[in-house]
Amino acid sequence: QVQLVESGGGLVQAGGSLRLSCLVSGRTFSMYGMGWFRQAPGKEREFVAAIKWSGRSTYYADFVKGRFTISRDNAKNTVYLQMNSLKAEDTAVYYCATIKQAYYSGSYDGAANYDHWGQGTQVTVSA
């Protein structure tokens, strides 16, 4: 059974930083790409960032480029999202997810390409 557990969310002032973590179990972590998505109240879930199984390729939504960094530690079965220069509009529930296929080389920004999701962690940025 694949399980994803996010942590690291919280309340931060605008301009501050947070680091989210997502621990994955039940899957050979090093074989699968990982993604982060977010959902704000009243809005659809949107892609934030993704990283290939090797860690050599990363992808970002335009609105986080230069502010957020995704990384992974395959020895710890964990993917991270370092968020800097946070803005009020970054307020959302953040979800990590595993890509649906080992050594996947397709698109990483579509939610339909992911098959397991965490429960989400709340990030609130005060203006």
Foldseek 3Di string as FASTA:
>chain_A
DKAKAKDWADEEAAQAKIKMKIAIDDDQLLQWKKFKWWDDPPGDIWGAKIAGSPRPDIDGDPVQPPFWDWGDDSVRNMIMIIGGRDDQVVWTWMKMFIFDDTRDDDDDGDPVRTDDMHPTDTHGYHD
